Amino acid sequence: GEPHKPGFEQMPDAGREPPSEALLGQRYVVFDGQSMLTRVFERKALLASNRIPGPSIIVEYSSTTVVPPFAEGVVDRYGNLVLAIDEDILRN
């Protein structure tokens, strides 16, 4: 027969704004030779539908994700972090 496919639990929609406890602080980071004030987020505190505009840094125990100024991070319903690139900014 056909094997059973496991289901994946979806997170409830939490809105665009990350919770305040997700923001760890800010620091200056250099992007393309320019120092920019950059927000730093705790990955495990981000919720479904949260949007993290660049420049931002998202930290977790095993990795660090850099969201450059021409991108935005979005947490999907499964908890994945998806980066959306603004191609108009890249062309300029």
N, C-alpha and C. Protein backbone atom coordinates (compact mmCIF):
# COMPACT_ATOMS: atom_id res chain seq x y z
N GLY A 1 0.80 -1.18 0.00
CA GLY A 1 0.00 0.00 0.00
C GLY A 1 0.85 1.26 0.00
N GLU A 2 0.17 2.33 0.04
CA GLU A 2 0.80 3.65 0.04
C GLU A 2 1.22 4.02 1.46
N PRO A 3 2.46 4.48 1.64
CA PRO A 3 2.92 4.84 2.98
C PRO A 3 2.17 6.07 3.51
N HIS A 4 2.05 6.13 4.82
CA HIS A 4 1.41 7.26 5.48
C HIS A 4 2.31 8.49 5.38
N LYS A 5 1.75 9.61 4.96
CA LYS A 5 2.50 10.86 4.88
C LYS A 5 2.31 11.62 6.19
N PRO A 6 3.41 11.99 6.82
CA PRO A 6 3.27 12.72 8.09
C PRO A 6 2.73 14.13 7.84
N GLY A 7 1.97 14.61 8.78
CA GLY A 7 1.47 15.98 8.70
C GLY A 7 2.42 16.93 9.41
N PHE A 8 2.39 18.16 9.02
CA PHE A 8 3.20 19.18 9.67
C PHE A 8 2.27 20.18 10.34
N GLU A 9 2.56 20.45 11.59
CA GLU A 9 1.73 21.38 12.34
C GLU A 9 1.97 22.80 11.85
N GLN A 10 0.87 23.51 11.61
CA GLN A 10 0.97 24.91 11.19
C GLN A 10 0.84 25.82 12.40
N MET A 11 1.60 26.90 12.37
CA MET A 11 1.54 27.90 13.44
C MET A 11 0.39 28.86 13.14
N PRO A 12 -0.28 29.36 14.17
CA PRO A 12 -1.32 30.36 13.93
C PRO A 12 -0.72 31.68 13.46
N ASP A 13 -1.46 32.40 12.66
CA ASP A 13 -1.02 33.71 12.16
C ASP A 13 -0.89 34.68 13.33
N ALA A 14 0.27 35.30 13.45
CA ALA A 14 0.53 36.21 14.57
C ALA A 14 0.66 37.66 14.13
N GLY A 15 0.48 37.96 12.85
CA GLY A 15 0.58 39.33 12.37
C GLY A 15 1.97 39.69 11.90
N ARG A 16 2.06 40.84 11.29
CA ARG A 16 3.30 41.29 10.64
C ARG A 16 4.41 41.64 11.62
N GLU A 17 4.06 42.27 12.73
CA GLU A 17 5.07 42.77 13.66
C GLU A 17 5.61 41.66 14.57
N PRO A 18 6.94 41.50 14.63
CA PRO A 18 7.51 40.53 15.56
C PRO A 18 7.22 40.95 17.00
N PRO A 19 7.08 40.00 17.92
CA PRO A 19 6.87 40.37 19.32
C PRO A 19 8.08 41.13 19.86
N SER A 20 7.82 41.99 20.82
CA SER A 20 8.90 42.84 21.36
C SER A 20 10.04 42.01 21.95
N GLU A 21 9.73 40.85 22.49
CA GLU A 21 10.79 40.02 23.08
C GLU A 21 11.70 39.40 22.03
N ALA A 22 11.31 39.45 20.77
CA ALA A 22 12.17 38.93 19.70
C ALA A 22 13.33 39.87 19.39
N LEU A 23 13.15 41.16 19.66
CA LEU A 23 14.20 42.14 19.35
C LEU A 23 15.26 42.13 20.46
N LEU A 24 16.47 41.75 20.10
CA LEU A 24 17.58 41.70 21.07
C LEU A 24 18.32 43.02 21.18
N GLY A 25 18.23 43.85 20.15
CA GLY A 25 18.93 45.12 20.16
C GLY A 25 19.27 45.57 18.75
N GLN A 26 20.18 46.52 18.68
CA GLN A 26 20.63 47.05 17.39
C GLN A 26 22.14 47.21 17.42
N ARG A 27 22.73 47.13 16.24
CA ARG A 27 24.17 47.38 16.13
C ARG A 27 24.46 47.84 14.70
N TYR A 28 25.59 48.45 14.53
CA TYR A 28 25.99 48.88 13.19
C TYR A 28 26.65 47.71 12.46
N VAL A 29 26.21 47.51 11.22
CA VAL A 29 26.75 46.46 10.37
C VAL A 29 27.03 47.10 9.01
N VAL A 30 28.11 46.67 8.37
CA VAL A 30 28.49 47.23 7.07
C VAL A 30 27.87 46.40 5.95
N PHE A 31 27.12 47.07 5.09
CA PHE A 31 26.53 46.48 3.88
C PHE A 31 27.01 47.29 2.69
N ASP A 32 27.68 46.63 1.76
CA ASP A 32 28.15 47.29 0.54
C ASP A 32 28.96 48.55 0.85
N GLY A 33 29.81 48.45 1.86
CA GLY A 33 30.69 49.56 2.23
C GLY A 33 30.06 50.65 3.06
N GLN A 34 28.79 50.49 3.43
CA GLN A 34 28.09 51.52 4.20
C GLN A 34 27.64 50.96 5.55
N SER A 35 27.98 51.65 6.62
CA SER A 35 27.58 51.24 7.96
C SER A 35 26.12 51.60 8.18
N MET A 36 25.32 50.59 8.56
CA MET A 36 23.88 50.80 8.75
C MET A 36 23.44 50.25 10.10
N LEU A 37 22.57 51.00 10.79
CA LEU A 37 22.00 50.52 12.04
C LEU A 37 21.09 49.33 11.71
N THR A 38 21.35 48.20 12.36
CA THR A 38 20.73 46.93 12.01
C THR A 38 20.10 46.30 13.25
N ARG A 39 18.84 45.89 13.13
CA ARG A 39 18.16 45.24 14.25
C ARG A 39 18.59 43.77 14.33
N VAL A 40 18.67 43.26 15.57
CA VAL A 40 19.06 41.88 15.82
C VAL A 40 17.89 41.18 16.50
N PHE A 41 17.45 40.05 15.92
CA PHE A 41 16.29 39.31 16.42
C PHE A 41 16.68 37.92 16.90
N GLU A 42 15.94 37.43 17.90
CA GLU A 42 16.06 36.05 18.38
C GLU A 42 15.12 35.19 17.55
N ARG A 43 15.66 34.23 16.81
CA ARG A 43 14.87 33.43 15.88
C ARG A 43 13.71 32.70 16.54
N LYS A 44 13.95 32.09 17.70
CA LYS A 44 12.91 31.27 18.33
C LYS A 44 11.72 32.09 18.83
N ALA A 45 11.86 33.41 18.92
CA ALA A 45 10.76 34.27 19.37
C ALA A 45 9.90 34.77 18.21
N LEU A 46 10.32 34.51 16.97
CA LEU A 46 9.54 34.96 15.82
C LEU A 46 8.36 34.03 15.57
N LEU A 47 7.25 34.60 15.11
CA LEU A 47 6.01 33.85 14.93
C LEU A 47 5.54 33.91 13.48
N ALA A 48 4.59 33.05 13.13
CA ALA A 48 4.07 32.99 11.77
C ALA A 48 3.55 34.34 11.31
N SER A 49 3.89 34.71 10.10
CA SER A 49 3.51 35.97 9.43
C SER A 49 4.33 37.17 9.88
N ASN A 50 5.24 37.00 10.85
CA ASN A 50 6.12 38.11 11.21
C ASN A 50 6.98 38.48 10.02
N ARG A 51 7.17 39.78 9.83
CA ARG A 51 8.01 40.29 8.74
C ARG A 51 9.19 41.03 9.34
N ILE A 52 10.37 40.75 8.83
CA ILE A 52 11.59 41.34 9.34
C ILE A 52 12.27 42.05 8.18
N PRO A 53 12.08 43.37 8.09
CA PRO A 53 12.71 44.10 6.98
C PRO A 53 14.21 44.23 7.19
N GLY A 54 14.93 44.23 6.08
CA GLY A 54 16.37 44.43 6.14
C GLY A 54 16.69 45.89 6.28
N PRO A 55 17.82 46.24 6.84
CA PRO A 55 18.83 45.30 7.31
C PRO A 55 18.49 44.76 8.70
N SER A 56 18.61 43.46 8.85
CA SER A 56 18.41 42.80 10.13
C SER A 56 19.31 41.57 10.21
N ILE A 57 19.52 41.13 11.44
CA ILE A 57 20.24 39.88 11.69
C ILE A 57 19.34 39.04 12.58
N ILE A 58 19.21 37.77 12.23
CA ILE A 58 18.37 36.85 13.00
C ILE A 58 19.30 35.76 13.54
N VAL A 59 19.37 35.64 14.87
CA VAL A 59 20.30 34.70 15.49
C VAL A 59 19.54 33.55 16.14
N GLU A 60 20.17 32.38 16.11
CA GLU A 60 19.66 31.21 16.81
C GLU A 60 20.85 30.36 17.23
N TYR A 61 20.58 29.28 17.97
CA TYR A 61 21.67 28.51 18.55
C TYR A 61 22.63 27.92 17.52
N SER A 62 22.15 27.61 16.31
CA SER A 62 23.02 26.93 15.36
C SER A 62 23.34 27.73 14.10
N SER A 63 22.77 28.93 13.97
CA SER A 63 23.05 29.71 12.76
C SER A 63 22.69 31.17 12.95
N THR A 64 23.13 31.95 11.99
CA THR A 64 22.81 33.37 11.93
C THR A 64 22.36 33.67 10.51
N THR A 65 21.24 34.37 10.39
CA THR A 65 20.72 34.74 9.07
C THR A 65 20.82 36.25 8.92
N VAL A 66 21.45 36.70 7.85
CA VAL A 66 21.56 38.12 7.56
C VAL A 66 20.48 38.48 6.55
N VAL A 67 19.66 39.47 6.90
CA VAL A 67 18.65 40.00 5.98
C VAL A 67 19.21 41.33 5.47
N PRO A 68 19.72 41.38 4.25
CA PRO A 68 20.33 42.60 3.74
C PRO A 68 19.29 43.70 3.50
N PRO A 69 19.75 44.92 3.28
CA PRO A 69 18.83 46.05 3.10
C PRO A 69 17.85 45.89 1.95
N PHE A 70 18.16 45.07 0.97
CA PHE A 70 17.29 44.89 -0.19
C PHE A 70 16.38 43.67 -0.06
N ALA A 71 16.19 43.19 1.18
CA ALA A 71 15.38 41.99 1.38
C ALA A 71 14.49 42.13 2.61
N GLU A 72 13.59 41.16 2.75
CA GLU A 72 12.71 41.08 3.91
C GLU A 72 12.55 39.61 4.27
N GLY A 73 12.65 39.32 5.56
CA GLY A 73 12.40 37.96 6.04
C GLY A 73 10.95 37.82 6.45
N VAL A 74 10.34 36.70 6.10
CA VAL A 74 8.95 36.42 6.46
C VAL A 74 8.91 35.01 7.06
N VAL A 75 8.25 34.87 8.22
CA VAL A 75 8.08 33.55 8.83
C VAL A 75 6.79 32.95 8.27
N ASP A 76 6.91 31.76 7.65
CA ASP A 76 5.70 31.14 7.10
C ASP A 76 4.97 30.35 8.19
N ARG A 77 3.88 29.73 7.83
CA ARG A 77 3.02 29.01 8.80
C ARG A 77 3.68 27.76 9.39
N TYR A 78 4.77 27.31 8.79
CA TYR A 78 5.49 26.14 9.31
C TYR A 78 6.72 26.55 10.10
N GLY A 79 6.93 27.85 10.28
CA GLY A 79 8.07 28.34 11.04
C GLY A 79 9.32 28.56 10.21
N ASN A 80 9.23 28.35 8.89
CA ASN A 80 10.38 28.60 8.02
C ASN A 80 10.59 30.10 7.84
N LEU A 81 11.82 30.48 7.71
CA LEU A 81 12.15 31.87 7.42
C LEU A 81 12.41 31.98 5.92
N VAL A 82 11.59 32.78 5.24
CA VAL A 82 11.69 32.94 3.79
C VAL A 82 12.17 34.36 3.50
N LEU A 83 13.22 34.49 2.71
CA LEU A 83 13.72 35.81 2.34
C LEU A 83 13.14 36.23 1.00
N ALA A 84 12.58 37.41 0.96
CA ALA A 84 12.04 38.00 -0.26
C ALA A 84 12.99 39.11 -0.68
N ILE A 85 13.45 39.06 -1.91
CA ILE A 85 14.42 40.03 -2.44
C ILE A 85 13.67 41.11 -3.22
N ASP A 86 13.99 42.37 -2.94
CA ASP A 86 13.41 43.49 -3.68
C ASP A 86 14.31 43.76 -4.88
N GLU A 87 13.90 43.26 -6.04
CA GLU A 87 14.73 43.37 -7.23
C GLU A 87 14.86 44.82 -7.70
N ASP A 88 13.90 45.69 -7.41
CA ASP A 88 14.02 47.10 -7.79
C ASP A 88 15.19 47.75 -7.08
N ILE A 89 15.40 47.42 -5.82
CA ILE A 89 16.54 47.98 -5.08
C ILE A 89 17.85 47.44 -5.65
N LEU A 90 17.88 46.17 -6.00
CA LEU A 90 19.09 45.58 -6.55
C LEU A 90 19.51 46.21 -7.86
N ARG A 91 18.56 46.66 -8.66
CA ARG A 91 18.88 47.26 -9.96
C ARG A 91 19.49 48.65 -9.84
N ASN A 92 19.24 49.33 -8.75
CA ASN A 92 19.76 50.72 -8.58
C ASN A 92 21.14 50.74 -8.02
